[in-house]
Amino acid sequence: MSGQGISLRSFVYLDVLQPQLASFLATVAQGYLPIEEQAALLVEVQPGIAVNRITDVALKRANVRPGMQIVERAFGVLELHADDQGEVRAAGEAILAHLGLAETDRLTPRVVTSEIITGTDAYQTMLINRMRHGDVILRGQSLFILETHPAGYALLAANEAEKAAPIRLLEVVSFGAYGRLYLGGGDDEIKEAARRAEGCLAELEGRPNEEVVDVR
């Protein structure tokens, strides 16, 4: 918690946006759309209204573009990107300095759900394909579902999973009470992607995450 009463929930750099994730963000984002191989920063704060101020700070201190600014009552999410990784890191440093916090003051990621479903039935794949904003999953493929807390870390898990294996990125939800990631593909590819998605979250340092979110 900063001296301004702002809690840093998610804070993570994406060094190189992968093609599917960049295209996915360009599908769902309402700001300046990213392209593959750019660097990105994802920041999630509480209360949500505080995201307006950190956006202002970042844009005045670094040459970055905002892809998403989502303001909810409880949580606010900001995604920034640029060709230059140094500019993205400068934006992150400016945000942290404004809040009087360090990167490790973020909440440690917690995996709430991690599940692989193999040999998906055609009826289930149709249900999934109706709700996704990314690629499609086909009958018989494997499905990986990851649920994270806080929500923003789902974006990092998606990017690292795509680096690890040739999977299909179906859906990413990186705001709200919990984040969700849906991937489709072959059995071996999904297993490798799942290992990396969980592994990258386990590598992040932060303050203890014992938060219980009321989603009623």
C-alpha atoms as a PDB file:
ATOM      1  CA  MET A   1       0.000   0.000   0.000  1.00  0.00           C
ATOM      2  CA  SER A   2       1.445   3.366  -0.999  1.00  0.00           C
ATOM      3  CA  GLY A   3       1.343   6.533   1.063  1.00  0.00           C
ATOM      4  CA  GLN A   4      -1.499   7.624  -1.197  1.00  0.00           C
ATOM      5  CA  GLY A   5      -3.669   4.684  -0.183  1.00  0.00           C
ATOM      6  CA  ILE A   6      -3.120   2.917  -3.505  1.00  0.00           C
ATOM      7  CA  SER A   7      -2.435  -0.818  -3.541  1.00  0.00           C
ATOM      8  CA  LEU A   8      -0.226  -2.277  -6.280  1.00  0.00           C
ATOM      9  CA  ARG A   9      -1.776  -5.569  -7.353  1.00  0.00           C
ATOM     10  CA  SER A  10      -0.094  -6.571 -10.619  1.00  0.00           C
ATOM     11  CA  PHE A  11       3.066  -5.086 -12.085  1.00  0.00           C
ATOM     12  CA  VAL A  12       4.868  -6.969 -14.828  1.00  0.00           C
ATOM     13  CA  TYR A  13       6.962  -6.335 -17.932  1.00  0.00           C
ATOM     14  CA  LEU A  14       6.417  -8.333 -21.114  1.00  0.00           C
ATOM     15  CA  ASP A  15       9.762  -8.148 -22.887  1.00  0.00           C
ATOM     16  CA  VAL A  16       8.559  -9.240 -26.340  1.00  0.00           C
ATOM     17  CA  LEU A  17       4.874  -9.427 -27.186  1.00  0.00           C
ATOM     18  CA  GLN A  18       4.187 -12.689 -28.987  1.00  0.00           C
ATOM     19  CA  PRO A  19       2.217 -12.654 -32.275  1.00  0.00           C
ATOM     20  CA  GLN A  20      -1.005 -14.227 -31.017  1.00  0.00           C
ATOM     21  CA  LEU A  21      -1.143 -12.187 -27.815  1.00  0.00           C
ATOM     22  CA  ALA A  22      -0.443  -8.933 -29.662  1.00  0.00           C
ATOM     23  CA  SER A  23      -3.194  -9.765 -32.159  1.00  0.00           C
ATOM     24  CA  PHE A  24      -5.545 -10.708 -29.333  1.00  0.00           C
ATOM     25  CA  LEU A  25      -4.953  -7.397 -27.582  1.00  0.00           C
ATOM     26  CA  ALA A  26      -5.579  -5.570 -30.854  1.00  0.00           C
ATOM     27  CA  THR A  27      -8.934  -7.354 -31.010  1.00  0.00           C
ATOM     28  CA  VAL A  28     -10.160  -6.474 -27.507  1.00  0.00           C
ATOM     29  CA  ALA A  29      -8.298  -3.283 -26.556  1.00  0.00           C
ATOM     30  CA  GLN A  30      -9.833   0.132 -27.124  1.00  0.00           C
ATOM     31  CA  GLY A  31      -6.683   2.239 -26.975  1.00  0.00           C
ATOM     32  CA  TYR A  32      -3.550   2.400 -29.146  1.00  0.00           C
ATOM     33  CA  LEU A  33      -3.132  -1.139 -30.407  1.00  0.00           C
ATOM     34  CA  PRO A  34       0.143  -3.024 -29.894  1.00  0.00           C
ATOM     35  CA  ILE A  35       1.963  -5.080 -32.483  1.00  0.00           C
ATOM     36  CA  GLU A  36       4.111  -8.168 -32.075  1.00  0.00           C
ATOM     37  CA  GLU A  37       7.665  -7.848 -30.757  1.00  0.00           C
ATOM     38  CA  GLN A  38       6.934  -4.638 -28.890  1.00  0.00           C
ATOM     39  CA  ALA A  39       7.607  -4.487 -25.156  1.00  0.00           C
ATOM     40  CA  ALA A  40       4.693  -3.977 -22.773  1.00  0.00           C
ATOM     41  CA  LEU A  41       3.882  -3.197 -19.159  1.00  0.00           C
ATOM     42  CA  LEU A  42       0.802  -4.301 -17.247  1.00  0.00           C
ATOM     43  CA  VAL A  43      -0.124  -2.464 -14.046  1.00  0.00           C
ATOM     44  CA  GLU A  44      -3.128  -3.211 -11.841  1.00  0.00           C
ATOM     45  CA  VAL A  45      -4.044  -1.000  -8.886  1.00  0.00           C
ATOM     46  CA  GLN A  46      -6.690  -0.636  -6.218  1.00  0.00           C
ATOM     47  CA  PRO A  47      -8.863   1.448  -6.064  1.00  0.00           C
ATOM     48  CA  GLY A  48      -9.650   1.405  -9.762  1.00  0.00           C
ATOM     49  CA  ILE A  49      -9.990   5.165 -10.149  1.00  0.00           C
ATOM     50  CA  ALA A  50      -6.257   5.565  -9.381  1.00  0.00           C
ATOM     51  CA  VAL A  51      -5.379   4.164 -12.809  1.00  0.00           C
ATOM     52  CA  ASN A  52      -6.203   7.564 -14.342  1.00  0.00           C
ATOM     53  CA  ARG A  53      -3.367   9.222 -12.433  1.00  0.00           C
ATOM     54  CA  ILE A  54      -0.781   6.550 -13.187  1.00  0.00           C
ATOM     55  CA  THR A  55      -1.654   6.741 -16.887  1.00  0.00           C
ATOM     56  CA  ASP A  56      -1.011  10.470 -16.774  1.00  0.00           C
ATOM     57  CA  VAL A  57       2.346   9.967 -15.041  1.00  0.00           C
ATOM     58  CA  ALA A  58       3.520   7.285 -17.479  1.00  0.00           C
ATOM     59  CA  LEU A  59       2.598   9.176 -20.642  1.00  0.00           C
ATOM     60  CA  LYS A  60       4.307  12.362 -19.461  1.00  0.00           C
ATOM     61  CA  ARG A  61       7.528  10.576 -18.473  1.00  0.00           C
ATOM     62  CA  ALA A  62       8.071   8.080 -21.309  1.00  0.00           C
ATOM     63  CA  ASN A  63       7.394   7.556 -25.007  1.00  0.00           C
ATOM     64  CA  VAL A  64       4.810   4.791 -24.623  1.00  0.00           C
ATOM     65  CA  ARG A  65       1.279   4.178 -25.850  1.00  0.00           C
ATOM     66  CA  PRO A  66      -1.675   2.917 -23.766  1.00  0.00           C
ATOM     67  CA  GLY A  67      -3.465  -0.107 -25.197  1.00  0.00           C
ATOM     68  CA  MET A  68      -5.894  -0.640 -22.333  1.00  0.00           C
ATOM     69  CA  GLN A  69      -7.122   1.511 -19.482  1.00  0.00           C
ATOM     70  CA  ILE A  70      -9.871  -0.296 -17.597  1.00  0.00           C
ATOM     71  CA  VAL A  71     -11.435   1.463 -14.628  1.00  0.00           C
ATOM     72  CA  GLU A  72     -13.626  -0.614 -12.327  1.00  0.00           C
ATOM     73  CA  ARG A  73     -14.795   0.378  -8.861  1.00  0.00           C
ATOM     74  CA  ALA A  74     -12.399  -1.984  -7.137  1.00  0.00           C
ATOM     75  CA  PHE A  75      -9.544  -2.470  -9.607  1.00  0.00           C
ATOM     76  CA  GLY A  76      -7.933  -0.488 -12.410  1.00  0.00           C
ATOM     77  CA  VAL A  77      -5.735  -1.953 -15.174  1.00  0.00           C
ATOM     78  CA  LEU A  78      -3.303  -0.185 -17.494  1.00  0.00           C
ATOM     79  CA  GLU A  79      -1.383  -1.722 -20.403  1.00  0.00           C
ATOM     80  CA  LEU A  80       1.402   0.307 -22.036  1.00  0.00           C
ATOM     81  CA  HIS A  81       3.643  -0.660 -24.950  1.00  0.00           C
ATOM     82  CA  ALA A  82       6.440   0.671 -27.148  1.00  0.00           C
ATOM     83  CA  ASP A  83       9.104  -0.517 -29.570  1.00  0.00           C
ATOM     84  CA  ASP A  84      11.819   0.448 -27.080  1.00  0.00           C
ATOM     85  CA  GLN A  85      12.017  -1.702 -23.936  1.00  0.00           C
ATOM     86  CA  GLY A  86      13.840   1.147 -22.217  1.00  0.00           C
ATOM     87  CA  GLU A  87      10.862   3.459 -22.675  1.00  0.00           C
ATOM     88  CA  VAL A  88       8.504   0.857 -21.244  1.00  0.00           C
ATOM     89  CA  ARG A  89      10.738   0.392 -18.214  1.00  0.00           C
ATOM     90  CA  ALA A  90      10.999   4.161 -17.795  1.00  0.00           C
ATOM     91  CA  ALA A  91       7.208   4.337 -17.698  1.00  0.00           C
ATOM     92  CA  GLY A  92       7.127   1.633 -15.048  1.00  0.00           C
ATOM     93  CA  GLU A  93       9.764   3.367 -12.954  1.00  0.00           C
ATOM     94  CA  ALA A  94       7.833   6.637 -13.160  1.00  0.00           C
ATOM     95  CA  ILE A  95       4.668   4.912 -11.952  1.00  0.00           C
ATOM     96  CA  LEU A  96       6.468   3.270  -9.035  1.00  0.00           C
ATOM     97  CA  ALA A  97       8.157   6.529  -8.060  1.00  0.00           C
ATOM     98  CA  HIS A  98       4.816   8.341  -8.116  1.00  0.00           C
ATOM     99  CA  LEU A  99       3.277   5.683  -5.866  1.00  0.00           C
ATOM    100  CA  GLY A 100       6.309   5.551  -3.589  1.00  0.00           C
ATOM    101  CA  LEU A 101       6.539   1.791  -4.126  1.00  0.00           C
ATOM    102  CA  ALA A 102       8.946  -0.823  -5.465  1.00  0.00           C
ATOM    103  CA  GLU A 103       8.218  -3.516  -8.048  1.00  0.00           C
ATOM    104  CA  THR A 104       8.220  -6.114  -5.256  1.00  0.00           C
ATOM    105  CA  ASP A 105       5.340  -4.298  -3.532  1.00  0.00           C
ATOM    106  CA  ARG A 106       3.009  -5.993  -6.013  1.00  0.00           C
ATOM    107  CA  LEU A 107       0.957  -8.977  -4.891  1.00  0.00           C
ATOM    108  CA  THR A 108       2.628 -12.316  -5.529  1.00  0.00           C
ATOM    109  CA  PRO A 109       0.725 -14.190  -8.267  1.00  0.00           C
ATOM    110  CA  ARG A 110      -1.490 -17.024  -7.080  1.00  0.00           C
ATOM    111  CA  VAL A 111      -2.727 -19.811  -9.339  1.00  0.00           C
ATOM    112  CA  VAL A 112      -6.365 -20.403  -8.429  1.00  0.00           C
ATOM    113  CA  THR A 113      -7.161 -22.986 -11.106  1.00  0.00           C
ATOM    114  CA  SER A 114      -4.931 -24.949 -13.486  1.00  0.00           C
ATOM    115  CA  GLU A 115      -6.543 -27.660 -15.552  1.00  0.00           C
ATOM    116  CA  ILE A 116      -5.915 -29.561 -18.782  1.00  0.00           C
ATOM    117  CA  ILE A 117      -8.807 -31.260 -20.569  1.00  0.00           C
ATOM    118  CA  THR A 118      -7.727 -33.703 -23.273  1.00  0.00           C
ATOM    119  CA  GLY A 119      -9.663 -34.978 -26.273  1.00  0.00           C
ATOM    120  CA  THR A 120     -12.324 -32.260 -26.158  1.00  0.00           C
ATOM    121  CA  ASP A 121     -15.756 -33.117 -27.474  1.00  0.00           C
ATOM    122  CA  ALA A 122     -17.102 -31.218 -30.480  1.00  0.00           C
ATOM    123  CA  TYR A 123     -20.009 -29.803 -28.484  1.00  0.00           C
ATOM    124  CA  GLN A 124     -17.672 -28.422 -25.839  1.00  0.00           C
ATOM    125  CA  THR A 125     -15.362 -26.879 -28.432  1.00  0.00           C
ATOM    126  CA  MET A 126     -18.374 -25.091 -29.956  1.00  0.00           C
ATOM    127  CA  LEU A 127     -19.244 -23.616 -26.552  1.00  0.00           C
ATOM    128  CA  ILE A 128     -15.673 -22.400 -26.084  1.00  0.00           C
ATOM    129  CA  ASN A 129     -15.467 -20.965 -29.580  1.00  0.00           C
ATOM    130  CA  ARG A 130     -18.615 -18.921 -28.994  1.00  0.00           C
ATOM    131  CA  MET A 131     -17.047 -17.053 -26.067  1.00  0.00           C
ATOM    132  CA  ARG A 132     -13.432 -16.611 -27.233  1.00  0.00           C
ATOM    133  CA  HIS A 133     -11.917 -13.520 -28.877  1.00  0.00           C
ATOM    134  CA  GLY A 134      -8.810 -15.288 -30.189  1.00  0.00           C
ATOM    135  CA  ASP A 135      -8.208 -18.481 -32.153  1.00  0.00           C
ATOM    136  CA  VAL A 136     -10.543 -21.485 -32.195  1.00  0.00           C
ATOM    137  CA  ILE A 137     -10.182 -24.921 -30.629  1.00  0.00           C
ATOM    138  CA  LEU A 138     -11.043 -28.017 -32.668  1.00  0.00           C
ATOM    139  CA  ARG A 139     -12.568 -31.325 -31.631  1.00  0.00           C
ATOM    140  CA  GLY A 140     -10.043 -33.678 -30.077  1.00  0.00           C
ATOM    141  CA  GLN A 141      -7.566 -30.983 -29.111  1.00  0.00           C
ATOM    142  CA  SER A 142      -6.504 -30.318 -25.535  1.00  0.00           C
ATOM    143  CA  LEU A 143      -7.743 -27.344 -23.548  1.00  0.00           C
ATOM    144  CA  PHE A 144      -5.722 -25.561 -20.852  1.00  0.00           C
ATOM    145  CA  ILE A 145      -7.504 -23.311 -18.365  1.00  0.00           C
ATOM    146  CA  LEU A 146      -5.561 -21.105 -15.966  1.00  0.00           C
ATOM    147  CA  GLU A 147      -7.105 -18.804 -13.378  1.00  0.00           C
ATOM    148  CA  THR A 148      -4.879 -16.245 -11.662  1.00  0.00           C
ATOM    149  CA  HIS A 149      -5.090 -13.825  -8.783  1.00  0.00           C
ATOM    150  CA  PRO A 150      -4.649 -10.931  -9.294  1.00  0.00           C
ATOM    151  CA  ALA A 151      -6.150 -10.831 -12.772  1.00  0.00           C
ATOM    152  CA  GLY A 152      -3.361  -8.964 -14.564  1.00  0.00           C
ATOM    153  CA  TYR A 153      -0.926 -11.849 -14.374  1.00  0.00           C
ATOM    154  CA  ALA A 154      -2.973 -13.820 -16.901  1.00  0.00           C
ATOM    155  CA  LEU A 155      -1.394 -11.616 -19.576  1.00  0.00           C
ATOM    156  CA  LEU A 156       2.128 -12.642 -18.593  1.00  0.00           C
ATOM    157  CA  ALA A 157       1.121 -16.303 -18.463  1.00  0.00           C
ATOM    158  CA  ALA A 158      -0.320 -16.037 -21.978  1.00  0.00           C
ATOM    159  CA  ASN A 159       2.807 -14.424 -23.415  1.00  0.00           C
ATOM    160  CA  GLU A 160       5.180 -16.934 -21.833  1.00  0.00           C
ATOM    161  CA  ALA A 161       3.006 -19.897 -22.834  1.00  0.00           C
ATOM    162  CA  GLU A 162       3.083 -18.756 -26.445  1.00  0.00           C
ATOM    163  CA  LYS A 163       6.874 -18.515 -26.298  1.00  0.00           C
ATOM    164  CA  ALA A 164       7.099 -22.067 -24.995  1.00  0.00           C
ATOM    165  CA  ALA A 165       4.941 -23.967 -27.484  1.00  0.00           C
ATOM    166  CA  PRO A 166       2.921 -23.620 -30.718  1.00  0.00           C
ATOM    167  CA  ILE A 167      -0.519 -23.374 -29.091  1.00  0.00           C
ATOM    168  CA  ARG A 168      -3.730 -21.567 -29.992  1.00  0.00           C
ATOM    169  CA  LEU A 169      -4.536 -18.567 -27.819  1.00  0.00           C
ATOM    170  CA  LEU A 170      -8.292 -18.670 -27.294  1.00  0.00           C
ATOM    171  CA  GLU A 171      -9.056 -16.106 -24.591  1.00  0.00           C
ATOM    172  CA  VAL A 172      -7.351 -13.943 -21.976  1.00  0.00           C
ATOM    173  CA  VAL A 173      -9.155 -11.989 -19.259  1.00  0.00           C
ATOM    174  CA  SER A 174      -6.719  -9.696 -17.459  1.00  0.00           C
ATOM    175  CA  PHE A 175      -9.037  -7.529 -15.363  1.00  0.00           C
ATOM    176  CA  GLY A 176     -11.595  -8.054 -12.608  1.00  0.00           C
ATOM    177  CA  ALA A 177     -11.386 -10.221  -9.513  1.00  0.00           C
ATOM    178  CA  TYR A 178      -9.565 -13.082 -11.257  1.00  0.00           C
ATOM    179  CA  GLY A 179      -7.653 -13.472 -14.514  1.00  0.00           C
ATOM    180  CA  ARG A 180      -8.334 -16.303 -16.926  1.00  0.00           C
ATOM    181  CA  LEU A 181      -6.389 -17.879 -19.760  1.00  0.00           C
ATOM    182  CA  TYR A 182      -7.683 -20.435 -22.265  1.00  0.00           C
ATOM    183  CA  LEU A 183      -5.320 -22.240 -24.644  1.00  0.00           C
ATOM    184  CA  GLY A 184      -5.949 -24.977 -27.201  1.00  0.00           C
ATOM    185  CA  GLY A 185      -3.647 -27.351 -29.069  1.00  0.00           C
ATOM    186  CA  GLY A 186      -2.015 -30.757 -29.106  1.00  0.00           C
ATOM    187  CA  ASP A 187      -1.435 -32.688 -25.901  1.00  0.00           C
ATOM    188  CA  ASP A 188       2.345 -32.210 -25.750  1.00  0.00           C
ATOM    189  CA  GLU A 189       2.194 -28.551 -26.748  1.00  0.00           C
ATOM    190  CA  ILE A 190      -0.450 -27.764 -24.138  1.00  0.00           C
ATOM    191  CA  LYS A 191       1.501 -29.542 -21.398  1.00  0.00           C
ATOM    192  CA  GLU A 192       4.617 -27.521 -22.221  1.00  0.00           C
ATOM    193  CA  ALA A 193       2.662 -24.259 -22.402  1.00  0.00           C
ATOM    194  CA  ALA A 194       0.990 -25.004 -19.069  1.00  0.00           C
ATOM    195  CA  ARG A 195       4.343 -25.692 -17.397  1.00  0.00           C
ATOM    196  CA  ARG A 196       5.710 -22.366 -18.598  1.00  0.00           C
ATOM    197  CA  ALA A 197       2.558 -20.404 -17.766  1.00  0.00           C
ATOM    198  CA  GLU A 198       2.649 -21.585 -14.161  1.00  0.00           C
ATOM    199  CA  GLY A 199       6.431 -21.423 -13.952  1.00  0.00           C
ATOM    200  CA  CYS A 200       6.700 -17.779 -14.965  1.00  0.00           C
ATOM    201  CA  LEU A 201       4.219 -16.795 -12.256  1.00  0.00           C
ATOM    202  CA  ALA A 202       6.145 -18.747  -9.634  1.00  0.00           C
ATOM    203  CA  GLU A 203       9.282 -16.772 -10.535  1.00  0.00           C
ATOM    204  CA  LEU A 204       7.797 -13.373  -9.627  1.00  0.00           C
ATOM    205  CA  GLU A 205       8.547 -11.841  -6.236  1.00  0.00           C
ATOM    206  CA  GLY A 206       6.083  -9.702  -4.312  1.00  0.00           C
ATOM    207  CA  ARG A 207       4.256  -9.266  -1.054  1.00  0.00           C
ATOM    208  CA  PRO A 208       2.300 -12.229   0.356  1.00  0.00           C
ATOM    209  CA  ASN A 209      -0.969 -12.859  -1.416  1.00  0.00           C
ATOM    210  CA  GLU A 210      -3.557 -13.984   1.107  1.00  0.00           C
ATOM    211  CA  GLU A 211      -6.316 -11.767  -0.239  1.00  0.00           C
ATOM    212  CA  VAL A 212      -9.835 -13.147  -0.371  1.00  0.00           C
ATOM    213  CA  VAL A 213     -11.919 -11.509  -3.096  1.00  0.00           C
ATOM    214  CA  ASP A 214     -15.667 -11.200  -2.623  1.00  0.00           C
ATOM    215  CA  VAL A 215     -17.158 -11.741  -6.085  1.00  0.00           C
ATOM    216  CA  ARG A 216     -20.792 -11.591  -5.052  1.00  0.00           C
END
